[in-house]
Amino acid sequence: LPSPRVLLLDEPFAALDVEGRLWIEQRLTARRGLGATLVASHEPETIMRIAHRALRVAGARVEAMA
């Protein structure tokens, strides 16, 4: 899809080399403001670098990261 309104990604950085990770990060950063992008990831540092808003699920609790 050229411009989806909602994008849902599960572990998009898993098993990627440095170039692949950078490519995904650039695409996600460029999507800010173009619709909802939801990313499930075990990499909070990466998410905090590129996200407009981030939530963490810990047990049965949802917590704001920043």
Protein backbone atom coordinates (compact mmCIF):
# COMPACT_ATOMS: atom_id res chain seq x y z
CA LEU A 1 0.00 0.00 0.00
CA PRO A 2 1.46 3.37 -0.91
CA SER A 3 -0.01 5.30 2.03
CA PRO A 4 -1.88 3.19 4.59
CA ARG A 5 -3.84 5.04 7.28
CA VAL A 6 -2.82 2.45 9.88
CA LEU A 7 0.41 0.46 9.93
CA LEU A 8 0.87 -2.37 12.45
CA LEU A 9 4.37 -3.85 12.83
CA ASP A 10 5.45 -6.70 15.09
CA GLU A 11 9.20 -6.70 15.85
CA PRO A 12 10.18 -4.88 12.64
CA PHE A 13 13.86 -4.69 13.67
CA ALA A 14 14.33 -8.40 14.39
CA ALA A 15 17.04 -10.16 12.37
CA LEU A 16 17.94 -7.08 10.32
CA ASP A 17 21.44 -5.89 9.57
CA VAL A 18 22.50 -2.30 10.31
CA GLU A 19 21.37 -1.02 6.90
CA GLY A 20 17.97 -2.69 7.23
CA ARG A 21 17.42 -1.27 10.72
CA LEU A 22 18.35 2.22 9.53
CA TRP A 23 16.00 1.92 6.54
CA ILE A 24 13.06 0.90 8.77
CA GLU A 25 13.83 3.66 11.30
CA GLN A 26 13.91 6.27 8.53
CA ARG A 27 10.61 5.07 7.07
CA LEU A 28 8.89 5.10 10.47
CA THR A 29 10.23 8.55 11.31
CA ALA A 30 9.00 9.84 7.93
CA ARG A 31 5.49 8.49 8.66
CA ARG A 32 4.96 10.72 11.70
CA GLY A 33 1.72 12.59 11.24
CA LEU A 34 0.59 10.48 8.26
CA GLY A 35 -1.65 8.10 10.19
CA ALA A 36 -1.29 5.63 13.02
CA THR A 37 1.78 3.43 13.17
CA LEU A 38 1.72 0.83 15.93
CA VAL A 39 4.94 -1.05 16.66
CA ALA A 40 5.40 -3.98 19.04
CA SER A 41 9.07 -4.25 19.97
CA HIS A 42 11.45 -5.45 22.67
CA GLU A 43 13.78 -2.54 21.82
CA PRO A 44 12.66 0.44 23.93
CA GLU A 45 15.74 2.53 23.07
CA THR A 46 14.99 2.35 19.35
CA ILE A 47 11.30 3.04 19.86
CA MET A 48 11.99 6.06 22.07
CA ARG A 49 14.30 7.48 19.40
CA ILE A 50 11.71 7.36 16.61
CA ALA A 51 8.31 7.45 18.32
CA HIS A 52 6.04 10.41 18.86
CA ARG A 53 4.45 8.57 21.78
CA ALA A 54 5.32 5.23 23.41
CA LEU A 55 3.61 2.87 25.82
CA ARG A 56 5.07 -0.09 27.66
CA VAL A 57 3.06 -3.16 28.64
CA ALA A 58 4.37 -4.61 31.91
CA GLY A 59 2.38 -7.55 33.17
CA ALA A 60 -1.23 -6.39 33.07
CA ARG A 61 -0.32 -2.69 33.23
CA VAL A 62 0.09 -0.16 30.45
CA GLU A 63 2.60 2.58 31.27
CA ALA A 64 3.62 5.71 29.39
CA MET A 65 7.32 5.72 28.47
CA ALA A 66 7.51 9.38 27.52
